[in-house]
């Protein structure tokens, strides 16, 4: 505004105050904005005509200091199946198979094991019932012959199972390397080892027959011949070393052909006598009898040495270093 110019009323009907250059407008204090209302929660989209579903309430995190809920325990992974056969425990009636067998060999070995149980039942029950029944029929009453017939039936069943086992074993030998003539049969060391093993198995035949005669001789002092039950038990006990003698005798021709399987069979048969000799020696030590101690100790030395020599002979017949 210039001096002398009439003053105009200010905005909003107020007169501005005077100043050196005229009156300047004084702005009125502005009213604060009204408080803004919070937005309503937005509903999720739903097609027209359908009711809107509310969102599930989110669970808050536990405050600091409160225990966290533990995770459920993680289940371990199932163990992987091994290619080896399951371990078998004592009392299952089966031998543990060699894990190095082929599927065909394992199948035949399982069939042989399945036939061994009826063979054992037939022999163990048939031999004493047959001989004991005959003894009872002669010395007491003819009713014993009926028991002898039943024993003969069981014995025939055991022999039939034994023949089936022998057929299966023959099939197993056809696919077993040790059942064939050794590739080192032309070597002098292998032939010498085979001859040595044949002599050792021949000695096993003599020892088994001697054990059979010893049991039959001692049976008189035990009173087994005057008792039908004892006589049957004595025949069953004598049948074990007699059967071992037959089994050892069949290995001698194999060894003369430089077949390593004969040495393995002889070693297994010697181990049976070794266990029996250990029992006799232990009983002699407990009873203080020098006879069983000396006889059992000598048998232990013979069987232990024969088992070691047969193991080395089998290796030399295969062409390995014994």
C-alpha atoms as a PDB file:
ATOM      1  CA  UNK A   1       0.000   0.000   0.000  1.00  0.00           C
ATOM      2  CA  UNK A   2       1.231   3.487  -0.708  1.00  0.00           C
ATOM      3  CA  UNK A   3       0.733   6.498   1.612  1.00  0.00           C
ATOM      4  CA  UNK A   4      -2.530   8.251   1.056  1.00  0.00           C
ATOM      5  CA  UNK A   5      -4.222   5.223  -0.478  1.00  0.00           C
ATOM      6  CA  UNK A   6      -7.372   4.254   1.309  1.00  0.00           C
ATOM      7  CA  UNK A   7      -7.068   1.090   3.277  1.00  0.00           C
ATOM      8  CA  UNK A   8      -9.089  -1.876   2.150  1.00  0.00           C
ATOM      9  CA  UNK A   9     -10.578  -4.175   4.636  1.00  0.00           C
ATOM     10  CA  UNK A  10      -8.465  -7.277   5.142  1.00  0.00           C
ATOM     11  CA  UNK A  11      -9.556 -10.761   4.474  1.00  0.00           C
ATOM     12  CA  UNK A  12     -12.294 -12.251   6.562  1.00  0.00           C
ATOM     13  CA  UNK A  13     -13.567  -8.723   7.470  1.00  0.00           C
ATOM     14  CA  UNK A  14     -10.637  -7.699   9.688  1.00  0.00           C
ATOM     15  CA  UNK A  15      -8.586  -4.528   9.407  1.00  0.00           C
ATOM     16  CA  UNK A  16      -4.866  -5.176   9.014  1.00  0.00           C
ATOM     17  CA  UNK A  17      -2.560  -3.435  11.471  1.00  0.00           C
ATOM     18  CA  UNK A  18      -0.673  -0.327  10.392  1.00  0.00           C
ATOM     19  CA  UNK A  19       2.919  -0.602   9.349  1.00  0.00           C
ATOM     20  CA  UNK A  20       5.594   1.361   7.742  1.00  0.00           C
ATOM     21  CA  UNK A  21       4.388   0.360   4.320  1.00  0.00           C
ATOM     22  CA  UNK A  22       0.785   0.151   5.143  1.00  0.00           C
ATOM     23  CA  UNK A  23      -1.341  -2.414   6.797  1.00  0.00           C
ATOM     24  CA  UNK A  24      -0.405  -6.051   6.170  1.00  0.00           C
ATOM     25  CA  UNK A  25      -2.897  -8.888   6.380  1.00  0.00           C
ATOM     26  CA  UNK A  26      -2.813 -11.043   9.495  1.00  0.00           C
ATOM     27  CA  UNK A  27      -3.856 -14.573   8.768  1.00  0.00           C
ATOM     28  CA  UNK A  28      -6.286 -16.153  11.050  1.00  0.00           C
ATOM     29  CA  UNK A  29      -5.111 -19.171  13.003  1.00  0.00           C
ATOM     30  CA  UNK A  30      -6.116 -22.265  11.138  1.00  0.00           C
ATOM     31  CA  UNK A  31      -8.330 -24.834  12.742  1.00  0.00           C
ATOM     32  CA  UNK A  32      -6.739 -28.240  13.211  1.00  0.00           C
ATOM     33  CA  UNK A  33      -7.832 -30.973  10.906  1.00  0.00           C
ATOM     34  CA  UNK A  34     -10.407 -33.306  12.288  1.00  0.00           C
ATOM     35  CA  UNK A  35      -8.985 -36.572  13.719  1.00  0.00           C
ATOM     36  CA  UNK A  36      -8.841 -39.222  11.049  1.00  0.00           C
ATOM     37  CA  UNK A  37     -10.838 -42.340  11.741  1.00  0.00           C
ATOM     38  CA  UNK A  38      -8.953 -45.667  11.401  1.00  0.00           C
ATOM     39  CA  UNK A  39      -9.648 -47.700   8.324  1.00  0.00           C
ATOM     40  CA  UNK A  40     -11.975 -50.577   8.739  1.00  0.00           C
ATOM     41  CA  UNK A  41     -10.336 -53.965   8.148  1.00  0.00           C
ATOM     42  CA  UNK A  42     -10.631 -54.902   4.537  1.00  0.00           C
ATOM     43  CA  UNK A  43     -12.708 -57.951   3.929  1.00  0.00           C
ATOM     44  CA  UNK A  44     -11.342 -60.520   1.492  1.00  0.00           C
ATOM     45  CA  UNK A  45     -12.884 -60.692  -1.869  1.00  0.00           C
ATOM     46  CA  UNK A  46     -15.787 -63.030  -2.251  1.00  0.00           C
ATOM     47  CA  UNK A  47     -18.146 -63.501  -5.158  1.00  0.00           C
ATOM     48  CA  UNK A  48     -21.430 -61.718  -4.951  1.00  0.00           C
ATOM     49  CA  UNK A  49     -24.010 -63.671  -3.029  1.00  0.00           C
ATOM     50  CA  UNK A  50     -21.551 -65.655  -0.887  1.00  0.00           C
ATOM     51  CA  UNK A  51     -20.894 -64.717   2.730  1.00  0.00           C
ATOM     52  CA  UNK A  52     -17.407 -63.492   3.467  1.00  0.00           C
ATOM     53  CA  UNK A  53     -15.365 -65.739   5.736  1.00  0.00           C
ATOM     54  CA  UNK A  54     -13.113 -64.020   8.262  1.00  0.00           C
ATOM     55  CA  UNK A  55      -9.391 -64.655   8.194  1.00  0.00           C
ATOM     56  CA  UNK A  56      -8.149 -67.163  10.791  1.00  0.00           C
ATOM     57  CA  UNK A  57      -6.571 -65.387  13.712  1.00  0.00           C
ATOM     58  CA  UNK A  58      -2.810 -65.609  13.585  1.00  0.00           C
ATOM     59  CA  UNK A  59      -1.240 -67.153  16.627  1.00  0.00           C
ATOM     60  CA  UNK A  60       1.202 -64.755  18.250  1.00  0.00           C
ATOM     61  CA  UNK A  61       4.772 -65.769  18.815  1.00  0.00           C
ATOM     62  CA  UNK A  62       5.550 -66.681  22.423  1.00  0.00           C
ATOM     63  CA  UNK A  63       7.085 -63.769  24.296  1.00  0.00           C
ATOM     64  CA  UNK A  64      10.752 -63.837  25.034  1.00  0.00           C
ATOM     65  CA  UNK A  65      11.494 -65.853  28.128  1.00  0.00           C
ATOM     66  CA  UNK A  66       8.683 -68.369  27.672  1.00  0.00           C
ATOM     67  CA  UNK A  67       9.681 -71.903  26.805  1.00  0.00           C
ATOM     68  CA  UNK A  68       9.390 -72.837  23.183  1.00  0.00           C
ATOM     69  CA  UNK A  69       7.366 -75.896  22.267  1.00  0.00           C
ATOM     70  CA  UNK A  70       9.809 -78.696  21.459  1.00  0.00           C
ATOM     71  CA  UNK A  71       9.822 -80.226  18.029  1.00  0.00           C
ATOM     72  CA  UNK A  72       8.500 -83.796  17.846  1.00  0.00           C
ATOM     73  CA  UNK A  73      11.310 -86.345  18.010  1.00  0.00           C
ATOM     74  CA  UNK A  74      12.582 -87.254  14.591  1.00  0.00           C
ATOM     75  CA  UNK A  75      12.004 -90.851  13.678  1.00  0.00           C
ATOM     76  CA  UNK A  76      15.191 -92.668  12.651  1.00  0.00           C
ATOM     77  CA  UNK A  77      15.498 -94.013   9.170  1.00  0.00           C
ATOM     78  CA  UNK A  78      14.745 -97.731   8.882  1.00  0.00           C
ATOM     79  CA  UNK A  79      17.913 -99.814   8.704  1.00  0.00           C
ATOM     80  CA  UNK A  80      18.921-100.916   5.271  1.00  0.00           C
ATOM     81  CA  UNK A  81      18.475-104.560   4.513  1.00  0.00           C
ATOM     82  CA  UNK A  82      21.766-106.365   4.264  1.00  0.00           C
ATOM     83  CA  UNK A  83      22.534-108.871   1.591  1.00  0.00           C
ATOM     84  CA  UNK A  84      23.785-111.287   4.232  1.00  0.00           C
ATOM     85  CA  UNK A  85      21.409-113.771   5.827  1.00  0.00           C
ATOM     86  CA  UNK A  86      19.999-112.946   9.232  1.00  0.00           C
ATOM     87  CA  UNK A  87      21.906-114.132  12.207  1.00  0.00           C
ATOM     88  CA  UNK A  88      20.485-117.248  13.808  1.00  0.00           C
ATOM     89  CA  UNK A  89      20.565-117.784  17.542  1.00  0.00           C
ATOM     90  CA  UNK A  90      21.127-120.880  19.602  1.00  0.00           C
ATOM     91  CA  UNK A  91      18.069-123.102  19.768  1.00  0.00           C
ATOM     92  CA  UNK A  92      16.684-122.342  16.325  1.00  0.00           C
ATOM     93  CA  UNK A  93      17.729-125.776  15.053  1.00  0.00           C
ATOM     94  CA  UNK A  94      19.580-124.364  12.053  1.00  0.00           C
ATOM     95  CA  UNK A  95      23.194-123.693  11.276  1.00  0.00           C
ATOM     96  CA  UNK A  96      24.277-120.252  10.179  1.00  0.00           C
ATOM     97  CA  UNK A  97      24.987-120.275   6.463  1.00  0.00           C
ATOM     98  CA  UNK A  98      28.153-118.995   4.894  1.00  0.00           C
ATOM     99  CA  UNK A  99      27.456-115.486   3.476  1.00  0.00           C
ATOM    100  CA  UNK A 100      29.750-116.246   0.519  1.00  0.00           C
ATOM    101  CA  UNK A 101      27.398-118.879  -0.900  1.00  0.00           C
ATOM    102  CA  UNK A 102      25.776-118.279  -4.257  1.00  0.00           C
ATOM    103  CA  UNK A 103      21.939-118.215  -4.476  1.00  0.00           C
ATOM    104  CA  UNK A 104      21.887-121.765  -5.895  1.00  0.00           C
ATOM    105  CA  UNK A 105      24.177-123.059  -3.147  1.00  0.00           C
ATOM    106  CA  UNK A 106      22.134-121.281  -0.478  1.00  0.00           C
ATOM    107  CA  UNK A 107      18.907-122.806  -1.782  1.00  0.00           C
ATOM    108  CA  UNK A 108      20.356-126.320  -1.674  1.00  0.00           C
ATOM    109  CA  UNK A 109      21.822-125.733   1.796  1.00  0.00           C
ATOM    110  CA  UNK A 110      18.419-124.644   3.106  1.00  0.00           C
ATOM    111  CA  UNK A 111      16.799-127.756   1.622  1.00  0.00           C
ATOM    112  CA  UNK A 112      19.440-129.933   3.293  1.00  0.00           C
ATOM    113  CA  UNK A 113      18.758-128.247   6.621  1.00  0.00           C
ATOM    114  CA  UNK A 114      15.029-128.822   6.176  1.00  0.00           C
ATOM    115  CA  UNK A 115      15.656-132.563   5.621  1.00  0.00           C
ATOM    116  CA  UNK A 116      18.013-132.861   8.584  1.00  0.00           C
ATOM    117  CA  UNK A 117      15.247-132.455  11.172  1.00  0.00           C
ATOM    118  CA  UNK A 118      13.034-135.397  10.044  1.00  0.00           C
ATOM    119  CA  UNK A 119      16.173-137.489   9.571  1.00  0.00           C
ATOM    120  CA  UNK A 120      17.265-136.756  13.149  1.00  0.00           C
ATOM    121  CA  UNK A 121      13.815-137.480  14.578  1.00  0.00           C
ATOM    122  CA  UNK A 122      13.578-140.745  12.668  1.00  0.00           C
ATOM    123  CA  UNK A 123      17.008-141.925  13.801  1.00  0.00           C
ATOM    124  CA  UNK A 124      16.855-140.732  17.408  1.00  0.00           C
ATOM    125  CA  UNK A 125      13.421-142.225  18.007  1.00  0.00           C
ATOM    126  CA  UNK A 126      13.603-145.219  15.665  1.00  0.00           C
ATOM    127  CA  UNK A 127      16.909-146.791  16.795  1.00  0.00           C
ATOM    128  CA  UNK A 128      16.180-147.106  20.541  1.00  0.00           C
ATOM    129  CA  UNK A 129      12.547-148.078  19.930  1.00  0.00           C
ATOM    130  CA  UNK A 130      13.543-150.789  17.472  1.00  0.00           C
ATOM    131  CA  UNK A 131      16.337-152.372  19.524  1.00  0.00           C
ATOM    132  CA  UNK A 132      14.604-151.793  22.840  1.00  0.00           C
ATOM    133  CA  UNK A 133      11.361-153.293  21.492  1.00  0.00           C
ATOM    134  CA  UNK A 134      13.136-156.392  20.225  1.00  0.00           C
ATOM    135  CA  UNK A 135      14.901-156.783  23.559  1.00  0.00           C
ATOM    136  CA  UNK A 136      11.622-156.402  25.445  1.00  0.00           C
ATOM    137  CA  UNK A 137       9.840-158.844  23.152  1.00  0.00           C
ATOM    138  CA  UNK A 138      12.507-161.508  23.696  1.00  0.00           C
ATOM    139  CA  UNK A 139      13.013-161.071  27.430  1.00  0.00           C
ATOM    140  CA  UNK A 140       9.559-159.972  28.637  1.00  0.00           C
ATOM    141  CA  UNK A 141       6.436-159.940  26.495  1.00  0.00           C
ATOM    142  CA  UNK A 142       5.662-160.198  22.769  1.00  0.00           C
ATOM    143  CA  UNK A 143       4.176-156.690  23.003  1.00  0.00           C
ATOM    144  CA  UNK A 144       7.699-155.400  22.530  1.00  0.00           C
ATOM    145  CA  UNK A 145       7.683-156.542  18.917  1.00  0.00           C
ATOM    146  CA  UNK A 146       4.827-154.123  18.237  1.00  0.00           C
ATOM    147  CA  UNK A 147       7.021-151.300  19.526  1.00  0.00           C
ATOM    148  CA  UNK A 148       9.838-152.633  17.374  1.00  0.00           C
ATOM    149  CA  UNK A 149       7.630-152.376  14.285  1.00  0.00           C
ATOM    150  CA  UNK A 150       6.828-148.759  15.117  1.00  0.00           C
ATOM    151  CA  UNK A 151      10.536-148.128  15.597  1.00  0.00           C
ATOM    152  CA  UNK A 152      11.271-149.702  12.233  1.00  0.00           C
ATOM    153  CA  UNK A 153       8.775-147.323  10.623  1.00  0.00           C
ATOM    154  CA  UNK A 154      10.480-144.325  12.225  1.00  0.00           C
ATOM    155  CA  UNK A 155      13.884-145.687  11.289  1.00  0.00           C
ATOM    156  CA  UNK A 156      12.788-146.170   7.680  1.00  0.00           C
ATOM    157  CA  UNK A 157      11.523-142.578   7.634  1.00  0.00           C
ATOM    158  CA  UNK A 158      14.880-141.363   8.956  1.00  0.00           C
ATOM    159  CA  UNK A 159      16.812-143.412   6.396  1.00  0.00           C
ATOM    160  CA  UNK A 160      14.604-142.083   3.595  1.00  0.00           C
ATOM    161  CA  UNK A 161      15.290-138.506   4.731  1.00  0.00           C
ATOM    162  CA  UNK A 162      19.000-139.347   4.886  1.00  0.00           C
ATOM    163  CA  UNK A 163      18.947-140.572   1.297  1.00  0.00           C
ATOM    164  CA  UNK A 164      17.220-137.361   0.236  1.00  0.00           C
ATOM    165  CA  UNK A 165      19.895-135.372   2.030  1.00  0.00           C
ATOM    166  CA  UNK A 166      22.628-137.315   0.241  1.00  0.00           C
ATOM    167  CA  UNK A 167      21.008-136.553  -3.121  1.00  0.00           C
ATOM    168  CA  UNK A 168      20.841-132.845  -2.264  1.00  0.00           C
ATOM    169  CA  UNK A 169      24.441-132.899  -1.083  1.00  0.00           C
ATOM    170  CA  UNK A 170      25.464-134.480  -4.355  1.00  0.00           C
ATOM    171  CA  UNK A 171      23.788-131.617  -6.224  1.00  0.00           C
ATOM    172  CA  UNK A 172      25.548-129.147  -3.935  1.00  0.00           C
ATOM    173  CA  UNK A 173      28.907-130.757  -4.638  1.00  0.00           C
ATOM    174  CA  UNK A 174      28.376-130.337  -8.357  1.00  0.00           C
ATOM    175  CA  UNK A 175      28.345-126.533  -7.954  1.00  0.00           C
ATOM    176  CA  UNK A 176      31.030-126.366  -5.250  1.00  0.00           C
ATOM    177  CA  UNK A 177      34.645-125.819  -6.235  1.00  0.00           C
ATOM    178  CA  UNK A 178      36.101-128.085  -3.525  1.00  0.00           C
ATOM    179  CA  UNK A 179      34.009-131.032  -4.743  1.00  0.00           C
ATOM    180  CA  UNK A 180      35.950-131.239  -8.006  1.00  0.00           C
ATOM    181  CA  UNK A 181      39.440-132.420  -8.712  1.00  0.00           C
ATOM    182  CA  UNK A 182      41.899-129.739  -7.747  1.00  0.00           C
ATOM    183  CA  UNK A 183      43.487-127.744 -10.604  1.00  0.00           C
ATOM    184  CA  UNK A 184      46.789-128.255  -8.783  1.00  0.00           C
ATOM    185  CA  UNK A 185      46.430-132.066  -8.764  1.00  0.00           C
ATOM    186  CA  UNK A 186      49.456-132.442 -11.058  1.00  0.00           C
ATOM    187  CA  UNK A 187      51.726-130.760  -8.513  1.00  0.00           C
ATOM    188  CA  UNK A 188      53.700-133.062  -6.211  1.00  0.00           C
ATOM    189  CA  UNK A 189      52.834-130.985  -3.141  1.00  0.00           C
ATOM    190  CA  UNK A 190      49.091-131.289  -3.738  1.00  0.00           C
ATOM    191  CA  UNK A 191      49.263-135.045  -4.315  1.00  0.00           C
ATOM    192  CA  UNK A 192      51.361-135.502  -1.182  1.00  0.00           C
ATOM    193  CA  UNK A 193      48.848-133.463   0.846  1.00  0.00           C
ATOM    194  CA  UNK A 194      45.955-135.552  -0.533  1.00  0.00           C
ATOM    195  CA  UNK A 195      47.705-138.790   0.445  1.00  0.00           C
ATOM    196  CA  UNK A 196      48.388-137.456   3.919  1.00  0.00           C
ATOM    197  CA  UNK A 197      44.724-136.432   4.320  1.00  0.00           C
ATOM    198  CA  UNK A 198      43.609-139.906   3.176  1.00  0.00           C
ATOM    199  CA  UNK A 199      45.729-141.516   5.901  1.00  0.00           C
ATOM    200  CA  UNK A 200      44.306-139.147   8.504  1.00  0.00           C
ATOM    201  CA  UNK A 201      40.733-139.953   7.483  1.00  0.00           C
ATOM    202  CA  UNK A 202      41.611-143.656   7.557  1.00  0.00           C
ATOM    203  CA  UNK A 203      42.784-143.149  11.124  1.00  0.00           C
ATOM    204  CA  UNK A 204      39.439-141.444  11.801  1.00  0.00           C
ATOM    205  CA  UNK A 205      37.649-144.575  10.590  1.00  0.00           C
ATOM    206  CA  UNK A 206      39.638-146.683  13.024  1.00  0.00           C
ATOM    207  CA  UNK A 207      39.030-144.286  15.914  1.00  0.00           C
ATOM    208  CA  UNK A 208      35.280-144.207  15.229  1.00  0.00           C
ATOM    209  CA  UNK A 209      35.052-148.007  15.091  1.00  0.00           C
ATOM    210  CA  UNK A 210      37.087-148.216  18.272  1.00  0.00           C
ATOM    211  CA  UNK A 211      34.686-145.803  19.967  1.00  0.00           C
ATOM    212  CA  UNK A 212      31.757-147.949  18.823  1.00  0.00           C
ATOM    213  CA  UNK A 213      33.348-151.075  20.282  1.00  0.00           C
ATOM    214  CA  UNK A 214      34.241-149.245  23.482  1.00  0.00           C
ATOM    215  CA  UNK A 215      30.615-148.201  24.027  1.00  0.00           C
ATOM    216  CA  UNK A 216      29.340-151.730  23.371  1.00  0.00           C
ATOM    217  CA  UNK A 217      31.894-153.123  25.801  1.00  0.00           C
ATOM    218  CA  UNK A 218      31.150-150.593  28.531  1.00  0.00           C
ATOM    219  CA  UNK A 219      27.426-151.237  28.149  1.00  0.00           C
ATOM    220  CA  UNK A 220      27.837-154.558  29.958  1.00  0.00           C
ATOM    221  CA  UNK A 221      29.239-152.809  32.998  1.00  0.00           C
ATOM    222  CA  UNK A 222      26.459-150.207  32.853  1.00  0.00           C
ATOM    223  CA  UNK A 223      23.804-152.939  32.895  1.00  0.00           C
ATOM    224  CA  UNK A 224      22.401-151.899  29.532  1.00  0.00           C
ATOM    225  CA  UNK A 225      22.033-155.455  28.252  1.00  0.00           C
ATOM    226  CA  UNK A 226      19.692-156.444  31.062  1.00  0.00           C
ATOM    227  CA  UNK A 227      17.378-153.479  30.571  1.00  0.00           C
ATOM    228  CA  UNK A 228      15.347-152.866  27.423  1.00  0.00           C
ATOM    229  CA  UNK A 229      15.451-149.090  27.793  1.00  0.00           C
ATOM    230  CA  UNK A 230      19.183-149.092  28.478  1.00  0.00           C
ATOM    231  CA  UNK A 231      19.832-151.398  25.552  1.00  0.00           C
ATOM    232  CA  UNK A 232      17.983-149.051  23.200  1.00  0.00           C
ATOM    233  CA  UNK A 233      19.929-146.071  24.536  1.00  0.00           C
ATOM    234  CA  UNK A 234      23.210-147.939  24.150  1.00  0.00           C
ATOM    235  CA  UNK A 235      22.449-148.748  20.506  1.00  0.00           C
ATOM    236  CA  UNK A 236      21.639-145.106  19.871  1.00  0.00           C
ATOM    237  CA  UNK A 237      24.946-144.022  21.429  1.00  0.00           C
ATOM    238  CA  UNK A 238      26.924-146.586  19.432  1.00  0.00           C
ATOM    239  CA  UNK A 239      25.216-145.524  16.190  1.00  0.00           C
ATOM    240  CA  UNK A 240      26.902-142.093  16.315  1.00  0.00           C
ATOM    241  CA  UNK A 241      30.560-143.166  16.035  1.00  0.00           C
ATOM    242  CA  UNK A 242      29.568-145.963  13.634  1.00  0.00           C
ATOM    243  CA  UNK A 243      27.951-143.440  11.309  1.00  0.00           C
ATOM    244  CA  UNK A 244      31.063-141.255  11.564  1.00  0.00           C
ATOM    245  CA  UNK A 245      33.197-144.220  10.541  1.00  0.00           C
ATOM    246  CA  UNK A 246      31.067-144.733   7.434  1.00  0.00           C
ATOM    247  CA  UNK A 247      31.212-141.038   6.558  1.00  0.00           C
ATOM    248  CA  UNK A 248      34.994-140.918   6.952  1.00  0.00           C
ATOM    249  CA  UNK A 249      35.418-144.066   4.843  1.00  0.00           C
ATOM    250  CA  UNK A 250      33.591-142.422   1.913  1.00  0.00           C
ATOM    251  CA  UNK A 251      36.100-139.534   1.863  1.00  0.00           C
ATOM    252  CA  UNK A 252      39.166-141.699   1.290  1.00  0.00           C
ATOM    253  CA  UNK A 253      38.473-142.295  -2.456  1.00  0.00           C
ATOM    254  CA  UNK A 254      37.825-138.573  -2.888  1.00  0.00           C
ATOM    255  CA  UNK A 255      41.178-137.696  -1.349  1.00  0.00           C
ATOM    256  CA  UNK A 256      42.997-140.167  -3.556  1.00  0.00           C
ATOM    257  CA  UNK A 257      41.536-138.197  -6.499  1.00  0.00           C
ATOM    258  CA  UNK A 258      42.863-134.929  -4.942  1.00  0.00           C
ATOM    259  CA  UNK A 259      39.398-133.557  -4.130  1.00  0.00           C
ATOM    260  CA  UNK A 260      39.676-130.997  -1.289  1.00  0.00           C
ATOM    261  CA  UNK A 261      36.138-131.651   0.008  1.00  0.00           C
ATOM    262  CA  UNK A 262      37.305-134.914   1.621  1.00  0.00           C
ATOM    263  CA  UNK A 263      39.700-133.015   3.867  1.00  0.00           C
ATOM    264  CA  UNK A 264      36.962-130.609   4.973  1.00  0.00           C
ATOM    265  CA  UNK A 265      34.601-133.472   5.860  1.00  0.00           C
ATOM    266  CA  UNK A 266      37.338-135.260   7.822  1.00  0.00           C
ATOM    267  CA  UNK A 267      38.132-132.088   9.738  1.00  0.00           C
ATOM    268  CA  UNK A 268      34.476-131.686  10.737  1.00  0.00           C
ATOM    269  CA  UNK A 269      34.273-135.305  11.934  1.00  0.00           C
ATOM    270  CA  UNK A 270      37.445-134.921  13.963  1.00  0.00           C
ATOM    271  CA  UNK A 271      35.924-131.901  15.668  1.00  0.00           C
ATOM    272  CA  UNK A 272      33.028-134.052  16.949  1.00  0.00           C
ATOM    273  CA  UNK A 273      35.440-136.525  18.541  1.00  0.00           C
ATOM    274  CA  UNK A 274      37.394-133.590  19.944  1.00  0.00           C
ATOM    275  CA  UNK A 275      34.288-132.350  21.791  1.00  0.00           C
ATOM    276  CA  UNK A 276      33.525-135.827  23.151  1.00  0.00           C
ATOM    277  CA  UNK A 277      37.131-136.282  24.286  1.00  0.00           C
ATOM    278  CA  UNK A 278      36.965-132.937  26.087  1.00  0.00           C
ATOM    279  CA  UNK A 279      33.906-134.159  28.009  1.00  0.00           C
ATOM    280  CA  UNK A 280      35.586-137.457  28.941  1.00  0.00           C
ATOM    281  CA  UNK A 281      38.729-135.669  30.108  1.00  0.00           C
ATOM    282  CA  UNK A 282      36.739-133.228  32.228  1.00  0.00           C
ATOM    283  CA  UNK A 283      34.785-136.040  33.888  1.00  0.00           C
ATOM    284  CA  UNK A 284      38.004-137.907  34.612  1.00  0.00           C
ATOM    285  CA  UNK A 285      39.538-134.858  36.250  1.00  0.00           C
ATOM    286  CA  UNK A 286      36.457-134.328  38.416  1.00  0.00           C
ATOM    287  CA  UNK A 287      36.285-137.994  39.457  1.00  0.00           C
ATOM    288  CA  UNK A 288      40.025-138.342  39.966  1.00  0.00           C
ATOM    289  CA  UNK A 289      40.284-141.293  37.527  1.00  0.00           C
ATOM    290  CA  UNK A 290      43.617-141.449  35.690  1.00  0.00           C
ATOM    291  CA  UNK A 291      42.271-143.710  32.904  1.00  0.00           C
ATOM    292  CA  UNK A 292      39.752-141.264  31.373  1.00  0.00           C
ATOM    293  CA  UNK A 293      42.209-138.405  31.823  1.00  0.00           C
ATOM    294  CA  UNK A 294      44.977-140.212  29.930  1.00  0.00           C
ATOM    295  CA  UNK A 295      42.672-141.593  27.225  1.00  0.00           C
ATOM    296  CA  UNK A 296      40.804-138.311  26.777  1.00  0.00           C
ATOM    297  CA  UNK A 297      44.002-136.251  26.750  1.00  0.00           C
ATOM    298  CA  UNK A 298      45.611-138.505  24.123  1.00  0.00           C
ATOM    299  CA  UNK A 299      42.473-138.283  21.979  1.00  0.00           C
ATOM    300  CA  UNK A 300      42.517-134.500  22.274  1.00  0.00           C
ATOM    301  CA  UNK A 301      46.114-134.359  21.039  1.00  0.00           C
ATOM    302  CA  UNK A 302      45.384-136.693  18.126  1.00  0.00           C
ATOM    303  CA  UNK A 303      42.237-134.849  17.052  1.00  0.00           C
ATOM    304  CA  UNK A 304      43.821-131.406  17.429  1.00  0.00           C
ATOM    305  CA  UNK A 305      46.857-132.393  15.344  1.00  0.00           C
ATOM    306  CA  UNK A 306      44.703-134.087  12.697  1.00  0.00           C
ATOM    307  CA  UNK A 307      42.430-131.034  12.374  1.00  0.00           C
ATOM    308  CA  UNK A 308      45.437-128.768  11.868  1.00  0.00           C
ATOM    309  CA  UNK A 309      47.035-131.069   9.276  1.00  0.00           C
ATOM    310  CA  UNK A 310      43.778-131.512   7.363  1.00  0.00           C
ATOM    311  CA  UNK A 311      43.301-127.747   7.172  1.00  0.00           C
ATOM    312  CA  UNK A 312      46.785-127.296   5.707  1.00  0.00           C
ATOM    313  CA  UNK A 313      46.267-130.219   3.323  1.00  0.00           C
ATOM    314  CA  UNK A 314      43.055-128.691   1.966  1.00  0.00           C
ATOM    315  CA  UNK A 315      44.898-125.435   1.229  1.00  0.00           C
ATOM    316  CA  UNK A 316      47.741-127.215  -0.571  1.00  0.00           C
ATOM    317  CA  UNK A 317      45.256-129.245  -2.637  1.00  0.00           C
ATOM    318  CA  UNK A 318      43.667-125.954  -3.774  1.00  0.00           C
ATOM    319  CA  UNK A 319      47.094-124.680  -4.801  1.00  0.00           C
ATOM    320  CA  UNK A 320      47.323-122.240  -1.896  1.00  0.00           C
ATOM    321  CA  UNK A 321      50.228-121.815   0.457  1.00  0.00           C
ATOM    322  CA  UNK A 322      49.536-123.988   3.491  1.00  0.00           C
END
